[in-house]
Amino acid sequence: MDVLIVGGNGEFGRFLQRDILPHVCAKTVSIVERDTSREERTSLLERARHVVVATPLAGYAELACELIYSCRDVSESKTLWLIPSVQAGVWRAVTATLAMVNNPKLSAVFAHPMYGPNGFRETELEARTFQNVLTATHEAPDNQLKTETSTLISVFQTKFNIATTTQFNPEEHDQITAYSQGLSYCVGKLMFQRPELAVLVKEQMPDLYGSFSANQELIMDFLRINSYMPQVIAAFNHSWEQTTRASFTDVLKAFRTADDALNRGTDSPISTKWYERLRTASLKTGSVL
């Protein structure tokens, strides 16, 4: 009943090992990385009952499909837990590969944990954004997932006060998160492109600055891979051009204008901590303009 984390030495992989898995299961947890030898990787993959793929977004679908193919001949039940922040493309690739492999023991769960190492405590102002978004499952005939997913949902609610929603499929997930998470990442992109603005963001929102700086690669991959981001980027860029493009207030004005255009004043059903921080700050700025 081993748990294997692919990408276990990454930030989210370490977070899972430290803060989540000790409360969720009492199983043996192993990790593999890209530099793990083929022999060791094969051995750990064979023994693992659950495989969590916690690697960066770039190349996620390819790696997931490779893992499925490596498990094509398993004779014991095995479940892959796939947690990319952009889901639709991975879902299409993985389900096609599972259909090709057609192993009655091999199942997969698609979910997006909307929290992480930078905070997920219920005492935080943005605690309502911390949730698991379970978008899809692929149930093999001999590896049904109802009991496993129900147990996990209950544990997260009891141990962490984190709810799990099943209201959105992978395509809907990507559109909604583009309008919230992706919009906040437009601020990150601007921060990366304009060092003088990054200084202002650091002064006004140091926590956001620290998180975005530490996750620049993830942010740029999200902007590139999510198919709904071109319209979000267009809205933000247009809003930015209407400002003097020089101050932190301009950043917030551009964010608010784009947010109004995309979300029309409604709360996002799949929000993030940093989207909420920016939204609150932009509304406060707007009230004093």
Protein backbone atom coordinates (compact mmCIF):
# COMPACT_ATOMS: atom_id res chain seq x y z
CA MET A 1 0.00 0.00 0.00
CA ASP A 2 2.90 2.36 -0.71
CA VAL A 3 2.41 5.95 -1.91
CA LEU A 4 4.82 7.19 -4.56
CA ILE A 5 5.22 10.93 -5.24
CA VAL A 6 6.64 11.69 -8.65
CA GLY A 7 8.36 15.03 -8.15
CA GLY A 8 8.54 14.59 -4.39
CA ASN A 9 11.52 16.92 -3.97
CA GLY A 10 9.67 19.87 -5.50
CA GLU A 11 7.96 22.50 -3.39
CA PHE A 12 4.51 20.93 -3.59
CA GLY A 13 5.89 17.40 -3.23
CA ARG A 14 7.65 18.38 0.00
CA PHE A 15 4.48 20.10 1.18
CA LEU A 16 2.50 16.89 0.62
CA GLN A 17 5.00 14.85 2.60
CA ARG A 18 5.24 17.32 5.46
CA ASP A 19 1.75 18.75 5.91
CA ILE A 20 -0.79 16.55 4.13
CA LEU A 21 0.06 12.85 3.85
CA PRO A 22 0.85 12.27 7.56
CA HIS A 23 -2.77 13.20 8.28
CA VAL A 24 -4.27 11.40 5.31
CA CYS A 25 -2.59 8.01 5.39
CA ALA A 26 -0.11 5.97 7.38
CA LYS A 27 1.47 4.40 4.32
CA THR A 28 5.08 4.28 3.24
CA VAL A 29 5.84 7.33 1.11
CA SER A 30 8.57 7.21 -1.54
CA ILE A 31 9.65 9.76 -4.13
CA VAL A 32 11.18 9.70 -7.58
CA GLU A 33 12.66 12.52 -9.62
CA ARG A 34 13.79 12.87 -13.22
CA ASP A 35 17.31 11.80 -12.23
CA THR A 36 16.13 8.64 -10.40
CA SER A 37 17.58 5.56 -12.10
CA ARG A 38 15.25 3.59 -14.33
CA GLU A 39 15.67 0.49 -12.16
CA GLU A 40 14.74 2.26 -8.92
CA ARG A 41 11.87 4.11 -10.57
CA THR A 42 10.45 0.89 -12.02
CA SER A 43 10.72 -0.89 -8.67
CA LEU A 44 8.98 1.91 -6.73
CA LEU A 45 6.29 2.26 -9.37
CA GLU A 46 5.55 -1.46 -9.25
CA ARG A 47 5.17 -1.43 -5.46
CA ALA A 48 3.09 1.73 -5.20
CA ARG A 49 -0.65 1.43 -4.68
CA HIS A 50 -1.10 5.19 -5.20
CA VAL A 51 1.00 7.41 -7.48
CA VAL A 52 0.81 11.19 -7.03
CA VAL A 53 2.25 13.23 -9.90
CA ALA A 54 3.48 16.53 -8.42
CA THR A 55 5.79 17.70 -11.20
CA PRO A 56 5.88 21.11 -12.93
CA LEU A 57 3.14 21.95 -15.41
CA ALA A 58 5.41 21.89 -18.47
CA GLY A 59 5.63 18.30 -19.70
CA TYR A 60 2.99 17.09 -17.23
CA ALA A 61 0.80 15.32 -19.79
CA GLU A 62 3.76 13.57 -21.38
CA LEU A 63 5.03 12.31 -18.03
CA ALA A 64 1.57 11.15 -16.93
CA CYS A 65 1.13 9.18 -20.14
CA GLU A 66 4.59 7.69 -19.75
CA LEU A 67 3.73 6.52 -16.24
CA ILE A 68 0.48 4.97 -17.44
CA TYR A 69 2.29 3.08 -20.17
CA SER A 70 4.85 1.87 -17.63
CA CYS A 71 1.93 0.50 -15.57
CA ARG A 72 0.16 -1.12 -18.51
CA ASP A 73 0.76 -4.67 -17.26
CA VAL A 74 0.01 -4.23 -13.53
CA SER A 75 -1.94 -7.08 -11.96
CA GLU A 76 -2.84 -5.25 -8.72
CA SER A 77 -5.00 -2.14 -8.37
CA LYS A 78 -3.14 1.13 -8.90
CA THR A 79 -4.49 4.69 -8.82
CA LEU A 80 -2.81 7.75 -10.31
CA TRP A 81 -3.56 11.08 -8.65
CA LEU A 82 -3.03 13.84 -11.19
CA ILE A 83 -2.99 17.41 -9.84
CA PRO A 84 -2.00 19.86 -12.61
CA SER A 85 -3.17 23.47 -12.37
CA VAL A 86 -4.23 23.29 -16.03
CA GLN A 87 -6.32 20.17 -16.56
CA ALA A 88 -8.12 19.86 -19.89
CA GLY A 89 -5.16 18.94 -22.09
CA VAL A 90 -3.81 16.49 -19.52
CA TRP A 91 -7.27 14.92 -19.17
CA ARG A 92 -7.56 14.32 -22.92
CA ALA A 93 -4.08 12.84 -23.20
CA VAL A 94 -4.37 10.64 -20.12
CA THR A 95 -7.82 9.24 -20.89
CA ALA A 96 -6.70 8.38 -24.42
CA THR A 97 -3.65 6.57 -23.03
CA LEU A 98 -5.71 4.73 -20.41
CA ALA A 99 -8.11 3.61 -23.14
CA MET A 100 -5.19 2.36 -25.23
CA VAL A 101 -3.63 0.48 -22.31
CA ASN A 102 -7.04 -0.85 -21.24
CA ASN A 103 -5.87 -2.34 -17.94
CA PRO A 104 -8.82 -3.19 -15.64
CA LYS A 105 -6.71 -2.40 -12.56
CA LEU A 106 -5.49 1.08 -13.52
CA SER A 107 -7.56 4.12 -12.47
CA ALA A 108 -6.90 7.87 -12.33
CA VAL A 109 -8.20 10.86 -10.36
CA PHE A 110 -7.92 14.45 -11.59
CA ALA A 111 -7.90 17.16 -8.95
CA HIS A 112 -6.49 20.64 -8.36
CA PRO A 113 -5.53 21.48 -4.76
CA MET A 114 -6.25 25.21 -4.40
CA TYR A 115 -3.76 25.76 -1.56
CA GLY A 116 -0.10 25.09 -0.90
CA PRO A 117 3.03 25.71 1.12
CA ASN A 118 2.40 29.47 1.26
CA GLY A 119 -0.69 29.06 3.40
CA PHE A 120 -3.84 27.04 3.81
CA ARG A 121 -4.92 27.72 7.38
CA GLU A 122 -8.58 28.33 8.12
CA THR A 123 -7.64 31.45 10.11
CA GLU A 124 -6.43 33.24 6.96
CA LEU A 125 -8.68 35.88 5.44
CA GLU A 126 -8.79 33.99 2.14
CA ALA A 127 -9.58 30.62 3.73
CA ARG A 128 -12.71 30.23 1.61
CA THR A 129 -10.48 29.76 -1.44
CA PHE A 130 -8.77 26.66 -0.01
CA GLN A 131 -10.45 23.67 -1.60
CA ASN A 132 -9.86 20.58 -3.68
CA VAL A 133 -11.38 20.77 -7.14
CA LEU A 134 -12.02 17.18 -8.23
CA THR A 135 -12.72 17.50 -11.94
CA ALA A 136 -12.79 13.93 -13.23
CA THR A 137 -12.07 10.28 -12.58
CA HIS A 138 -11.27 7.33 -14.81
CA GLU A 139 -12.50 4.20 -13.06
CA ALA A 140 -11.13 0.86 -14.15
CA PRO A 141 -13.56 -2.06 -13.77
CA ASP A 142 -11.48 -3.72 -11.05
CA ASN A 143 -10.38 -0.51 -9.30
CA GLN A 144 -13.46 1.48 -8.37
CA LEU A 145 -12.80 4.89 -6.81
CA LYS A 146 -15.96 5.78 -4.92
CA THR A 147 -14.76 4.57 -1.50
CA GLU A 148 -11.27 6.08 -1.88
CA THR A 149 -12.46 9.49 -3.03
CA SER A 150 -15.24 9.64 -0.43
CA THR A 151 -12.79 8.82 2.35
CA LEU A 152 -10.30 11.41 1.13
CA ILE A 153 -12.98 14.10 0.87
CA SER A 154 -14.03 13.36 4.45
CA VAL A 155 -10.45 13.42 5.77
CA PHE A 156 -9.69 16.79 4.17
CA GLN A 157 -12.87 18.26 5.61
CA THR A 158 -12.22 16.86 9.09
CA LYS A 159 -8.46 17.40 9.37
CA PHE A 160 -8.00 20.66 7.46
CA ASN A 161 -11.50 22.13 7.08
CA ILE A 162 -10.88 21.97 3.32
CA ALA A 163 -13.92 21.14 1.20
CA THR A 164 -13.87 19.30 -2.12
CA THR A 165 -16.03 20.37 -5.04
CA THR A 166 -17.00 18.12 -7.94
CA GLN A 167 -19.04 20.75 -9.80
CA PHE A 168 -16.61 21.39 -12.65
CA ASN A 169 -15.12 19.28 -15.40
CA PRO A 170 -11.53 19.86 -16.61
CA GLU A 171 -12.56 22.30 -19.35
CA GLU A 172 -14.75 24.36 -17.02
CA HIS A 173 -11.98 24.32 -14.42
CA ASP A 174 -9.48 25.79 -16.87
CA GLN A 175 -11.82 28.60 -17.95
CA ILE A 176 -12.71 29.59 -14.38
CA THR A 177 -9.14 29.48 -13.09
CA ALA A 178 -7.90 31.50 -16.06
CA TYR A 179 -10.29 34.29 -15.00
CA SER A 180 -9.06 34.21 -11.39
CA GLN A 181 -5.68 32.54 -10.90
CA GLY A 182 -4.59 33.45 -14.42
CA LEU A 183 -5.60 37.09 -14.02
CA SER A 184 -3.49 37.36 -10.87
CA TYR A 185 -0.61 35.82 -12.82
CA CYS A 186 -0.87 38.69 -15.32
CA VAL A 187 0.32 40.89 -12.46
CA GLY A 188 3.15 38.43 -11.91
CA LYS A 189 4.14 38.60 -15.57
CA LEU A 190 4.16 42.39 -15.43
CA MET A 191 6.30 42.18 -12.30
CA PHE A 192 8.80 39.90 -14.08
CA GLN A 193 8.97 42.21 -17.12
CA ARG A 194 9.27 45.50 -15.23
CA PRO A 195 11.78 45.36 -12.33
CA GLU A 196 10.78 48.85 -11.16
CA LEU A 197 7.19 47.66 -10.78
CA ALA A 198 8.38 44.54 -8.98
CA VAL A 199 9.95 46.84 -6.37
CA LEU A 200 6.59 48.55 -5.85
CA VAL A 201 4.75 45.22 -5.57
CA LYS A 202 7.34 44.06 -3.03
CA GLU A 203 6.77 47.19 -0.95
CA GLN A 204 2.96 47.00 -1.02
CA MET A 205 2.32 43.22 -1.09
CA PRO A 206 5.48 41.45 0.08
CA ASP A 207 3.79 38.04 0.53
CA LEU A 208 2.46 38.05 -3.02
CA TYR A 209 5.82 39.24 -4.33
CA GLY A 210 7.61 36.42 -2.52
CA SER A 211 5.21 33.75 -3.79
CA PHE A 212 5.23 34.96 -7.39
CA SER A 213 9.01 35.33 -7.43
CA ALA A 214 9.44 31.78 -6.12
CA ASN A 215 7.01 30.38 -8.70
CA GLN A 216 7.95 32.32 -11.82
CA GLU A 217 8.37 29.20 -13.94
CA LEU A 218 4.98 27.82 -12.88
CA ILE A 219 3.30 31.16 -13.56
CA MET A 220 4.75 31.50 -17.05
CA ASP A 221 3.83 27.89 -17.86
CA PHE A 222 0.24 28.51 -16.71
CA LEU A 223 -0.01 31.61 -18.88
CA ARG A 224 1.31 29.66 -21.86
CA ILE A 225 -0.58 26.37 -21.45
CA ASN A 226 -4.07 27.35 -20.28
CA SER A 227 -6.06 27.76 -23.52
CA TYR A 228 -8.26 30.49 -21.98
CA MET A 229 -5.37 32.78 -21.11
CA PRO A 230 -5.14 34.71 -24.43
CA GLN A 231 -8.46 36.45 -23.72
CA VAL A 232 -7.45 37.13 -20.10
CA ILE A 233 -4.08 38.54 -21.16
CA ALA A 234 -5.79 40.69 -23.81
CA ALA A 235 -8.20 42.12 -21.20
CA PHE A 236 -5.40 42.87 -18.74
CA ASN A 237 -3.08 44.38 -21.37
CA HIS A 238 -5.87 46.63 -22.66
CA SER A 239 -6.64 47.76 -19.11
CA TRP A 240 -2.96 48.38 -18.43
CA GLU A 241 -2.66 50.58 -21.53
CA GLN A 242 -5.40 52.82 -20.15
CA THR A 243 -3.24 53.73 -17.13
CA THR A 244 -0.02 55.74 -16.83
CA ARG A 245 1.79 52.36 -16.48
CA ALA A 246 4.05 53.69 -13.74
CA SER A 247 2.68 53.03 -10.26
CA PHE A 248 1.35 50.29 -8.03
CA THR A 249 -2.02 52.03 -8.22
CA ASP A 250 -1.87 51.58 -12.00
CA VAL A 251 -1.31 47.84 -11.51
CA LEU A 252 -4.37 47.63 -9.27
CA LYS A 253 -6.49 49.74 -11.64
CA ALA A 254 -5.58 47.47 -14.56
CA PHE A 255 -6.37 44.39 -12.50
CA ARG A 256 -9.74 45.77 -11.39
CA THR A 257 -10.80 46.83 -14.88
CA ALA A 258 -9.86 43.44 -16.34
CA ASP A 259 -11.56 41.65 -13.44
CA ASP A 260 -14.77 43.60 -14.02
CA ALA A 261 -14.68 42.74 -17.72
CA LEU A 262 -14.03 39.04 -17.14
CA ASN A 263 -15.97 38.28 -13.96
CA ARG A 264 -18.56 41.09 -14.00
CA GLY A 265 -18.38 41.67 -10.27
CA THR A 266 -19.19 38.08 -9.29
CA ASP A 267 -17.12 35.94 -6.93
CA SER A 268 -15.08 33.23 -8.61
CA PRO A 269 -16.17 29.68 -7.66
CA ILE A 270 -12.52 28.59 -8.02
CA SER A 271 -10.58 31.44 -6.54
CA THR A 272 -7.07 31.75 -5.14
CA LYS A 273 -5.47 33.50 -2.22
CA TRP A 274 -3.54 35.96 -4.42
CA TYR A 275 -6.49 36.72 -6.69
CA GLU A 276 -8.52 37.63 -3.60
CA ARG A 277 -5.68 39.75 -2.20
CA LEU A 278 -5.39 41.69 -5.45
CA ARG A 279 -9.14 42.05 -5.77
CA THR A 280 -9.50 43.43 -2.25
CA ALA A 281 -6.61 45.85 -2.77
CA SER A 282 -7.97 47.02 -6.13
CA LEU A 283 -11.42 47.65 -4.68
CA LYS A 284 -9.92 49.68 -1.84
CA THR A 285 -7.87 51.68 -4.31
CA GLY A 286 -10.92 52.27 -6.47
CA SER A 287 -12.89 53.62 -3.54
CA VAL A 288 -10.40 56.40 -2.93
CA LEU A 289 -9.76 57.42 -6.54
